Amino acid sequence: MMNKPINNTLAALALAGAALGLGGCLGGGGGGGFDCEAQTEAFDETSAEQGLLQAEVPAEGPFPMAMVLSTSAVNKLLATVLDQDLPAVREEVDIFSVTFQPQLPTIEIASVAQCPGCVITSLAFDIQVDTGVLGEISGGGNARLALPVGLAPISNVKTGLVASMDEASFLDLELTIGDLSTQDVQLVEDVIKNIATDYVRERFGAVEVVRFDSWKLGDDEMLLAARGPMIFPEQGTIVVGLHSNLLLPASTTIEEQAALPEGSELGLQIHPELLLTAMQRMLNTGAIPREYDASGNTDRRGDHQVTLDAMSSSDSDKLNTSFTIWRTGGGLCGFAQVSSDMSLSLDAEGVTLEADNFQITDGEGIGMLLSDAANSWLGGDFLQSLTENMALAINYREFGVEEEGEVQPKANGLKIDGRGLSVFLNLD
């Protein structure tokens, strides 16, 4: 960090301009980039083109953000929302009766022939067969059914990932039971097949496994909505795309990254352009202050403004971010373009960000004279607000079951590469 504050630089320049009688010239159209009217116009044009919204959240991909759910995560979420009290079913069959006691169903993310939008639900059970003459014979097994999964809109920003157990169809049955004739075993299997299928359909119905909500970030007009899902049987994951009504460049897409590292149950993928546009929107609405004084402190009547220009990721484990500092009043005007790296790390609260490696890359007018003094200015209110709000966006937690407090995701990994940013989580 440089010790020389930017306000000292500006003050010296202002005194020099006044001593030379240049203040009016430089502030009123003297050229050389010092023209305050021209700089104000350039700033207004730049800021007006950033952080714009579309009329609606797009329904189709490609997606700038995605959530990857493992089999383990899906089953933890499912167990949270299912009725835990599962009564037994008794059915009379020919000369004997069958008592069927199910356990909670589980989901296996696997391919299902003739049903590309399906996973598998397994229903383990115990049975008692009352034969009358031979007494009761115990057994058990597992019924597997094809289970359609999809997204159901709840509102314009809330979407549920739904397991349509009311549409489940029987696949196969594993049954262990002794001391029955082959004919009787076949009869019991037919009964269990029907009982298990009806039980899943009627007892559970359409189950909302997890609900996705919009960001709790900035104003209520910046939205996220879930789309998809996509099933990846080989990786054992379901990927839910998240789209925004932010107006994003056509190239803003998260490539399909369906695999999760060992030890992680969830993955959140974010394209840097989504973060950039979200932060630009927050600058437009005032959630991140745009106006500052000469010392870089927030000042709604200050002569200095900031625009956020670019954000990209690479294999360096950093987000490269570009800003422009504008001076649009006070007699000496211009701009400085600044590049900064943002390092990301994990702590108990999730992802945190820290900016470093500031460099002046271009400028005009007084901006050409800022040099490394911009370090102290950018190290103030602007970067603090920017990094805090970026952390809020990256630590997206607006997903879970309908009952609040049941699911507590915790980040346990972080990755940045040329495709974007990934945060990996577990469910406590």
Protein backbone atom coordinates (compact mmCIF):
# COMPACT_ATOMS: atom_id res chain seq x y z
CA MET A 1 0.00 0.00 0.00
CA MET A 2 1.26 3.46 -0.88
CA ASN A 3 1.46 5.99 1.93
CA LYS A 4 0.78 8.95 -0.34
CA PRO A 5 -3.01 9.57 -0.28
CA ILE A 6 -4.79 10.56 -3.42
CA ASN A 7 -6.32 13.66 -1.87
CA ASN A 8 -2.79 15.07 -1.33
CA THR A 9 -2.08 14.50 -5.00
CA LEU A 10 -5.29 16.17 -6.06
CA ALA A 11 -4.84 19.07 -3.66
CA ALA A 12 -1.36 19.71 -5.00
CA LEU A 13 -2.64 19.62 -8.56
CA ALA A 14 -5.52 21.95 -7.73
CA LEU A 15 -3.13 24.47 -6.12
CA ALA A 16 -0.84 24.24 -9.10
CA GLY A 17 -3.73 24.81 -11.47
CA ALA A 18 -4.95 27.80 -9.47
CA ALA A 19 -1.47 29.31 -9.30
CA LEU A 20 -1.16 29.03 -13.07
CA GLY A 21 -4.64 30.41 -13.63
CA LEU A 22 -5.74 27.14 -15.30
CA GLY A 23 -8.66 26.19 -13.09
CA GLY A 24 -11.34 27.72 -15.28
CA CYS A 25 -9.75 26.46 -18.44
CA LEU A 26 -9.29 22.91 -17.24
CA GLY A 27 -12.76 22.71 -15.74
CA GLY A 28 -14.65 24.30 -18.59
CA GLY A 29 -13.39 22.72 -21.77
CA GLY A 30 -9.66 23.18 -21.96
CA GLY A 31 -9.14 19.72 -23.49
CA GLY A 32 -6.48 17.21 -22.63
CA GLY A 33 -9.04 15.09 -20.79
CA PHE A 34 -9.35 17.63 -17.94
CA ASP A 35 -12.74 18.90 -19.21
CA CYS A 36 -15.24 18.20 -16.38
CA GLU A 37 -18.28 18.43 -18.63
CA ALA A 38 -16.85 15.85 -21.02
CA GLN A 39 -15.84 13.53 -18.17
CA THR A 40 -19.30 13.80 -16.60
CA GLU A 41 -20.90 12.90 -19.91
CA ALA A 42 -18.57 9.93 -20.37
CA PHE A 43 -19.26 8.70 -16.84
CA ASP A 44 -23.04 9.03 -17.30
CA GLU A 45 -22.93 7.09 -20.57
CA THR A 46 -20.80 4.32 -19.07
CA SER A 47 -22.85 3.87 -15.89
CA ALA A 48 -26.16 3.97 -17.78
CA GLU A 49 -25.14 0.93 -19.83
CA GLN A 50 -24.27 -1.25 -16.81
CA GLY A 51 -26.37 -3.42 -14.50
CA LEU A 52 -29.43 -3.48 -16.74
CA LEU A 53 -32.39 -5.84 -16.29
CA GLN A 54 -34.35 -7.93 -18.77
CA ALA A 55 -38.14 -7.98 -18.69
CA GLU A 56 -38.17 -11.64 -17.58
CA VAL A 57 -35.84 -14.33 -16.31
CA PRO A 58 -34.92 -16.50 -19.33
CA ALA A 59 -36.46 -19.96 -19.37
CA GLU A 60 -33.66 -21.73 -21.24
CA GLY A 61 -29.91 -22.09 -20.88
CA PRO A 62 -27.07 -21.46 -21.10
CA PHE A 63 -26.91 -20.63 -17.41
CA PRO A 64 -24.60 -18.21 -15.58
CA MET A 65 -25.04 -20.08 -12.28
CA ALA A 66 -25.78 -23.66 -11.29
CA MET A 67 -26.30 -25.87 -8.26
CA VAL A 68 -24.97 -29.45 -8.29
CA LEU A 69 -26.72 -31.86 -5.92
CA SER A 70 -25.26 -35.25 -5.03
CA THR A 71 -27.24 -38.37 -4.12
CA SER A 72 -26.30 -37.79 -0.49
CA ALA A 73 -27.60 -34.21 -0.53
CA VAL A 74 -30.85 -35.17 -2.23
CA ASN A 75 -31.54 -37.89 0.34
CA LYS A 76 -30.76 -35.62 3.29
CA LEU A 77 -33.17 -33.05 1.90
CA LEU A 78 -35.78 -35.69 1.12
CA ALA A 79 -35.64 -37.17 4.63
CA THR A 80 -36.27 -33.68 6.03
CA VAL A 81 -39.55 -33.19 4.17
CA LEU A 82 -41.03 -36.72 4.21
CA ASP A 83 -43.53 -37.91 6.77
CA GLN A 84 -41.55 -40.00 9.25
CA ASP A 85 -44.60 -41.89 10.52
CA LEU A 86 -45.13 -44.72 8.04
CA PRO A 87 -47.97 -47.06 8.98
CA ALA A 88 -47.98 -50.71 7.99
CA VAL A 89 -50.32 -52.07 5.33
CA ARG A 90 -52.07 -55.43 5.67
CA GLU A 91 -53.54 -57.21 2.67
CA GLU A 92 -55.37 -60.53 2.42
CA VAL A 93 -54.07 -62.81 -0.31
CA ASP A 94 -55.73 -66.12 -1.10
CA ILE A 95 -55.27 -68.33 1.99
CA PHE A 96 -52.85 -66.00 3.83
CA SER A 97 -52.27 -62.31 4.63
CA VAL A 98 -49.25 -60.02 4.08
CA THR A 99 -48.26 -57.20 6.42
CA PHE A 100 -46.03 -54.65 4.71
CA GLN A 101 -43.94 -52.21 6.84
CA PRO A 102 -41.98 -49.71 4.73
CA GLN A 103 -38.97 -47.58 5.62
CA LEU A 104 -38.37 -44.06 4.31
CA PRO A 105 -37.77 -44.08 0.55
CA THR A 106 -34.40 -43.01 -0.79
CA ILE A 107 -33.30 -41.71 -4.17
CA GLU A 108 -30.57 -43.07 -6.41
CA ILE A 109 -29.42 -40.78 -9.23
CA ALA A 110 -29.15 -43.35 -11.97
CA SER A 111 -30.31 -43.72 -15.56
CA VAL A 112 -33.74 -45.21 -16.21
CA ALA A 113 -34.50 -46.76 -19.58
CA GLN A 114 -37.32 -45.02 -21.46
CA CYS A 115 -37.42 -42.20 -18.89
CA PRO A 116 -34.59 -39.66 -19.35
CA GLY A 117 -36.15 -37.31 -16.77
CA CYS A 118 -36.26 -39.97 -14.06
CA VAL A 119 -34.13 -41.18 -11.19
CA ILE A 120 -34.77 -44.24 -9.02
CA THR A 121 -36.51 -44.35 -5.68
CA SER A 122 -35.95 -47.37 -3.44
CA LEU A 123 -38.43 -48.44 -0.81
CA ALA A 124 -36.98 -50.92 1.71
CA PHE A 125 -39.52 -52.88 3.74
CA ASP A 126 -40.14 -55.68 6.22
CA ILE A 127 -42.99 -58.16 5.74
CA GLN A 128 -44.88 -60.71 7.77
CA VAL A 129 -46.71 -63.47 5.91
CA ASP A 130 -49.40 -65.16 7.99
CA THR A 131 -49.88 -68.59 6.41
CA GLY A 132 -52.38 -69.82 8.94
CA VAL A 133 -51.25 -73.46 9.09
CA LEU A 134 -47.50 -72.74 9.04
CA GLY A 135 -47.76 -69.62 11.21
CA GLU A 136 -46.05 -66.33 10.46
CA ILE A 137 -43.02 -66.13 8.19
CA SER A 138 -40.83 -63.03 8.26
CA GLY A 139 -39.00 -61.47 5.37
CA GLY A 140 -38.02 -58.22 3.74
CA GLY A 141 -36.73 -56.62 0.63
CA ASN A 142 -36.50 -53.56 -1.53
CA ALA A 143 -38.75 -52.22 -4.28
CA ARG A 144 -37.30 -49.90 -6.91
CA LEU A 145 -39.41 -47.49 -8.90
CA ALA A 146 -38.74 -44.99 -11.70
CA LEU A 147 -39.25 -41.48 -10.33
CA PRO A 148 -39.77 -38.38 -12.51
CA VAL A 149 -38.03 -35.25 -11.21
CA GLY A 150 -38.53 -31.69 -12.36
CA LEU A 151 -38.91 -28.07 -11.35
CA ALA A 152 -42.21 -26.52 -10.37
CA PRO A 153 -42.64 -22.72 -10.14
CA ILE A 154 -43.90 -21.41 -6.80
CA SER A 155 -43.65 -17.71 -7.67
CA ASN A 156 -41.68 -15.63 -10.17
CA VAL A 157 -38.52 -16.23 -8.11
CA LYS A 158 -39.23 -19.35 -6.01
CA THR A 159 -38.94 -22.76 -7.62
CA GLY A 160 -39.17 -26.24 -6.16
CA LEU A 161 -37.27 -29.35 -7.24
CA VAL A 162 -40.09 -31.90 -7.17
CA ALA A 163 -39.89 -35.69 -6.99
CA SER A 164 -43.18 -36.85 -8.52
CA MET A 165 -43.72 -39.93 -6.40
CA ASP A 166 -47.37 -39.86 -7.42
CA GLU A 167 -46.16 -40.80 -10.91
CA ALA A 168 -43.64 -43.47 -9.87
CA SER A 169 -43.65 -46.71 -11.87
CA PHE A 170 -42.44 -50.13 -10.74
CA LEU A 171 -39.04 -51.35 -11.93
CA ASP A 172 -37.97 -54.39 -9.94
CA LEU A 173 -38.18 -56.11 -6.57
CA GLU A 174 -35.74 -57.82 -4.23
CA LEU A 175 -37.49 -60.15 -1.77
CA THR A 176 -36.10 -62.45 0.89
CA ILE A 177 -38.55 -64.85 2.53
CA GLY A 178 -38.24 -68.49 3.58
CA ASP A 179 -40.30 -71.65 3.79
CA LEU A 180 -42.84 -70.80 1.13
CA SER A 181 -43.47 -72.73 -2.03
CA THR A 182 -42.33 -71.25 -5.32
CA GLN A 183 -45.95 -70.60 -6.27
CA ASP A 184 -46.66 -68.81 -2.99
CA VAL A 185 -43.49 -66.73 -3.26
CA GLN A 186 -44.59 -65.55 -6.72
CA LEU A 187 -47.98 -64.64 -5.30
CA VAL A 188 -46.36 -62.63 -2.47
CA GLU A 189 -44.08 -60.85 -4.95
CA ASP A 190 -47.08 -59.76 -7.03
CA VAL A 191 -48.79 -58.44 -3.92
CA ILE A 192 -45.68 -56.57 -2.70
CA LYS A 193 -45.18 -55.03 -6.15
CA ASN A 194 -48.68 -53.55 -6.04
CA ILE A 195 -48.51 -52.52 -2.37
CA ALA A 196 -45.12 -50.78 -2.78
CA THR A 197 -46.18 -48.89 -5.91
CA ASP A 198 -49.48 -47.74 -4.43
CA TYR A 199 -47.78 -46.80 -1.15
CA VAL A 200 -45.22 -44.55 -2.83
CA ARG A 201 -47.79 -42.89 -5.05
CA GLU A 202 -50.52 -42.35 -2.47
CA ARG A 203 -48.57 -41.83 0.74
CA PHE A 204 -45.96 -39.39 -0.56
CA GLY A 205 -47.43 -37.83 -3.70
CA ALA A 206 -45.45 -34.98 -5.32
CA VAL A 207 -42.61 -34.11 -2.92
CA GLU A 208 -40.76 -30.78 -2.98
CA VAL A 209 -37.23 -31.93 -2.23
CA VAL A 210 -35.59 -28.49 -2.19
CA ARG A 211 -36.72 -24.92 -2.86
CA PHE A 212 -34.66 -22.29 -4.66
CA ASP A 213 -35.29 -18.62 -3.96
CA SER A 214 -33.84 -15.41 -5.34
CA TRP A 215 -30.82 -13.59 -3.94
CA LYS A 216 -31.30 -11.65 -0.74
CA LEU A 217 -29.11 -9.01 -2.33
CA GLY A 218 -29.66 -5.39 -3.29
CA ASP A 219 -33.15 -4.42 -4.40
CA ASP A 220 -36.06 -6.79 -4.98
CA GLU A 221 -35.87 -6.35 -8.75
CA MET A 222 -32.67 -8.37 -9.26
CA LEU A 223 -33.89 -11.95 -9.53
CA LEU A 224 -32.62 -15.52 -9.72
CA ALA A 225 -34.80 -18.45 -10.77
CA ALA A 226 -34.06 -22.16 -11.04
CA ARG A 227 -34.25 -23.95 -14.39
CA GLY A 228 -33.76 -27.54 -15.56
CA PRO A 229 -32.91 -29.94 -13.98
CA MET A 230 -30.28 -32.03 -15.75
CA ILE A 231 -29.52 -35.55 -14.53
CA PHE A 232 -25.99 -36.97 -14.71
CA PRO A 233 -26.14 -40.70 -13.84
CA GLU A 234 -22.40 -41.36 -14.24
CA GLN A 235 -21.52 -38.63 -11.75
CA GLY A 236 -24.53 -39.38 -9.54
CA THR A 237 -25.62 -35.72 -9.53
CA ILE A 238 -28.52 -33.48 -10.47
CA VAL A 239 -27.64 -30.04 -11.86
CA VAL A 240 -30.13 -27.20 -11.47
CA GLY A 241 -29.45 -24.15 -13.63
CA LEU A 242 -30.00 -20.69 -12.13
CA HIS A 243 -30.86 -17.82 -14.44
CA SER A 244 -31.13 -14.11 -13.74
CA ASN A 245 -33.07 -11.21 -15.17
CA LEU A 246 -29.79 -9.28 -15.29
CA LEU A 247 -28.87 -8.46 -18.88
CA LEU A 248 -25.76 -10.59 -19.40
CA PRO A 249 -23.39 -10.95 -22.36
CA ALA A 250 -24.22 -13.86 -24.66
CA SER A 251 -20.96 -15.58 -23.67
CA THR A 252 -21.95 -15.78 -20.00
CA THR A 253 -22.39 -19.51 -19.47
CA ILE A 254 -21.33 -22.09 -16.92
CA GLU A 255 -20.11 -25.21 -18.67
CA GLU A 256 -21.56 -28.46 -17.41
CA GLN A 257 -19.44 -29.37 -14.38
CA ALA A 258 -21.47 -32.19 -12.89
CA ALA A 259 -18.77 -33.92 -10.85
CA LEU A 260 -18.19 -33.04 -7.19
CA PRO A 261 -14.93 -33.51 -5.27
CA GLU A 262 -14.82 -36.26 -2.69
CA GLY A 263 -16.25 -35.12 0.62
CA SER A 264 -18.64 -32.53 -0.87
CA GLU A 265 -22.39 -32.94 -1.26
CA LEU A 266 -23.24 -29.74 -3.13
CA GLY A 267 -21.54 -27.48 -5.63
CA LEU A 268 -22.41 -23.88 -6.48
CA GLN A 269 -20.99 -22.62 -9.78
CA ILE A 270 -20.96 -18.93 -10.70
CA HIS A 271 -19.75 -17.20 -13.86
CA PRO A 272 -17.75 -13.99 -13.14
CA GLU A 273 -19.93 -11.99 -15.57
CA LEU A 274 -22.94 -12.68 -13.35
CA LEU A 275 -21.07 -11.31 -10.33
CA LEU A 276 -19.93 -8.31 -12.36
CA THR A 277 -23.40 -7.43 -13.60
CA ALA A 278 -24.96 -7.95 -10.16
CA MET A 279 -22.44 -5.58 -8.59
CA GLN A 280 -22.99 -3.04 -11.39
CA ARG A 281 -26.70 -3.19 -10.63
CA MET A 282 -25.97 -2.57 -6.95
CA LEU A 283 -23.91 0.48 -7.89
CA ASN A 284 -26.83 1.77 -9.96
CA THR A 285 -29.31 1.36 -7.13
CA GLY A 286 -27.01 2.73 -4.43
CA ALA A 287 -26.63 -0.55 -2.53
CA ILE A 288 -22.92 -0.05 -3.22
CA PRO A 289 -22.09 3.68 -3.00
CA ARG A 290 -20.93 5.23 -6.25
CA GLU A 291 -19.92 8.75 -5.10
CA TYR A 292 -16.82 9.51 -3.01
CA ASP A 293 -14.76 12.45 -1.85
CA ALA A 294 -11.15 13.06 -2.80
CA SER A 295 -9.98 10.76 0.00
CA GLY A 296 -12.08 7.84 -1.21
CA ASN A 297 -14.66 8.13 1.57
CA THR A 298 -18.33 7.72 0.73
CA ASP A 299 -19.84 11.12 -0.04
CA ARG A 300 -23.15 11.49 -1.89
CA ARG A 301 -22.05 14.93 -3.09
CA GLY A 302 -18.47 13.93 -3.87
CA ASP A 303 -16.68 14.72 -7.10
CA HIS A 304 -15.46 11.14 -7.57
CA GLN A 305 -17.47 8.23 -8.97
CA VAL A 306 -16.69 4.58 -9.66
CA THR A 307 -17.76 2.21 -12.42
CA LEU A 308 -17.04 -1.50 -12.37
CA ASP A 309 -15.80 -2.55 -15.80
CA ALA A 310 -14.78 -6.21 -15.99
CA MET A 311 -14.39 -9.39 -13.98
CA SER A 312 -12.76 -12.64 -15.09
CA SER A 313 -11.35 -15.84 -13.65
CA SER A 314 -8.29 -17.88 -14.48
CA ASP A 315 -6.25 -20.74 -13.08
CA SER A 316 -4.50 -18.30 -10.74
CA ASP A 317 -7.19 -18.82 -8.04
CA LYS A 318 -8.08 -15.12 -8.20
CA LEU A 319 -10.80 -12.97 -9.72
CA ASN A 320 -9.31 -10.20 -11.83
CA THR A 321 -11.45 -7.07 -11.51
CA SER A 322 -11.24 -3.75 -13.35
CA PHE A 323 -12.60 -0.39 -12.13
CA THR A 324 -12.66 3.15 -13.36
CA ILE A 325 -12.31 6.08 -10.95
CA TRP A 326 -13.86 9.23 -12.38
CA ARG A 327 -13.34 12.80 -11.21
CA THR A 328 -16.17 14.87 -12.67
CA GLY A 329 -16.02 18.10 -10.64
CA GLY A 330 -13.77 20.48 -8.77
CA GLY A 331 -11.99 22.01 -11.76
CA LEU A 332 -9.56 19.17 -12.50
CA CYS A 333 -11.27 16.13 -14.08
CA GLY A 334 -10.40 12.85 -15.72
CA PHE A 335 -10.40 9.14 -15.01
CA ALA A 336 -8.07 6.33 -14.03
CA GLN A 337 -8.59 2.70 -14.99
CA VAL A 338 -7.47 0.32 -12.27
CA SER A 339 -6.92 -3.44 -12.25
CA SER A 340 -7.08 -5.46 -9.05
CA ASP A 341 -6.95 -9.13 -8.11
CA MET A 342 -9.44 -10.50 -5.61
CA SER A 343 -8.29 -13.42 -3.50
CA LEU A 344 -10.97 -15.73 -2.13
CA SER A 345 -10.76 -17.84 1.00
CA LEU A 346 -13.00 -19.83 3.33
CA ASP A 347 -13.73 -19.21 6.97
CA ALA A 348 -16.49 -20.26 9.37
CA GLU A 349 -18.95 -17.89 7.67
CA GLY A 350 -18.22 -19.00 4.11
CA VAL A 351 -16.30 -17.29 1.30
CA THR A 352 -14.52 -14.01 2.02
CA LEU A 353 -12.72 -11.74 -0.46
CA GLU A 354 -9.67 -9.50 -0.25
CA ALA A 355 -8.44 -7.16 -2.98
CA ASP A 356 -4.75 -6.67 -3.77
CA ASN A 357 -2.31 -6.03 -6.60
CA PHE A 358 -3.73 -2.66 -7.72
CA GLN A 359 -2.40 -1.35 -11.02
CA ILE A 360 -3.23 1.79 -13.02
CA THR A 361 -3.70 0.51 -16.57
CA ASP A 362 -4.93 3.64 -18.37
CA GLY A 363 -6.33 7.09 -17.76
CA GLU A 364 -7.07 10.55 -19.03
CA GLY A 365 -6.79 14.04 -17.64
CA ILE A 366 -6.06 14.04 -13.93
CA GLY A 367 -6.41 10.28 -13.94
CA MET A 368 -3.02 10.03 -15.64
CA LEU A 369 -1.46 11.58 -12.53
CA LEU A 370 -2.99 9.30 -9.93
CA SER A 371 -0.39 6.54 -10.19
CA ASP A 372 -0.16 4.20 -7.17
CA ALA A 373 -1.88 6.76 -4.93
CA ALA A 374 -5.08 5.00 -6.08
CA ASN A 375 -4.03 2.18 -3.75
CA SER A 376 -5.00 4.10 -0.65
CA TRP A 377 -8.23 5.36 -2.24
CA LEU A 378 -9.43 1.97 -3.42
CA GLY A 379 -8.48 0.48 -0.07
CA GLY A 380 -11.27 2.50 1.53
CA ASP A 381 -15.06 2.42 1.46
CA PHE A 382 -15.53 1.29 -2.13
CA LEU A 383 -13.58 -1.94 -1.97
CA GLN A 384 -14.98 -2.79 1.43
CA SER A 385 -18.54 -2.45 0.16
CA LEU A 386 -17.76 -4.27 -3.08
CA THR A 387 -16.08 -7.27 -1.46
CA GLU A 388 -18.79 -7.58 1.19
CA ASN A 389 -21.55 -7.64 -1.41
CA MET A 390 -19.67 -10.02 -3.67
CA ALA A 391 -19.31 -12.36 -0.69
CA LEU A 392 -23.07 -12.19 -0.14
CA ALA A 393 -23.65 -13.16 -3.77
CA ILE A 394 -21.13 -16.01 -3.72
CA ASN A 395 -22.42 -17.33 -0.39
CA TYR A 396 -25.82 -18.05 -1.93
CA ARG A 397 -27.91 -19.82 0.72
CA GLU A 398 -31.44 -19.13 -0.55
CA PHE A 399 -32.15 -22.81 -1.02
CA GLY A 400 -33.41 -25.53 1.27
CA VAL A 401 -36.58 -27.16 2.47
CA GLU A 402 -39.82 -25.29 3.09
CA GLU A 403 -39.38 -25.36 6.86
CA GLU A 404 -36.67 -22.83 7.68
CA GLY A 405 -33.71 -23.89 9.79
CA GLU A 406 -33.84 -27.55 8.78
CA VAL A 407 -30.89 -27.40 6.37
CA GLN A 408 -27.55 -25.76 7.19
CA PRO A 409 -25.14 -25.85 4.22
CA LYS A 410 -21.51 -25.21 5.06
CA ALA A 411 -18.75 -24.49 2.56
CA ASN A 412 -15.83 -26.92 2.61
CA GLY A 413 -14.07 -26.17 -0.68
CA LEU A 414 -13.36 -23.49 -3.26
CA LYS A 415 -12.10 -23.54 -6.83
CA ILE A 416 -11.44 -20.83 -9.41
CA ASP A 417 -10.42 -21.57 -12.98
CA GLY A 418 -11.02 -20.29 -16.48
CA ARG A 419 -14.62 -21.55 -16.40
CA GLY A 420 -15.60 -19.61 -13.30
CA LEU A 421 -15.95 -19.96 -9.56
CA SER A 422 -17.11 -23.09 -7.71
CA VAL A 423 -17.97 -23.33 -4.01
CA PHE A 424 -18.41 -26.80 -2.54
CA LEU A 425 -20.64 -27.48 0.46
CA ASN A 426 -21.92 -30.10 2.86
CA LEU A 427 -25.27 -30.30 4.62
CA ASP A 428 -25.08 -30.51 8.40
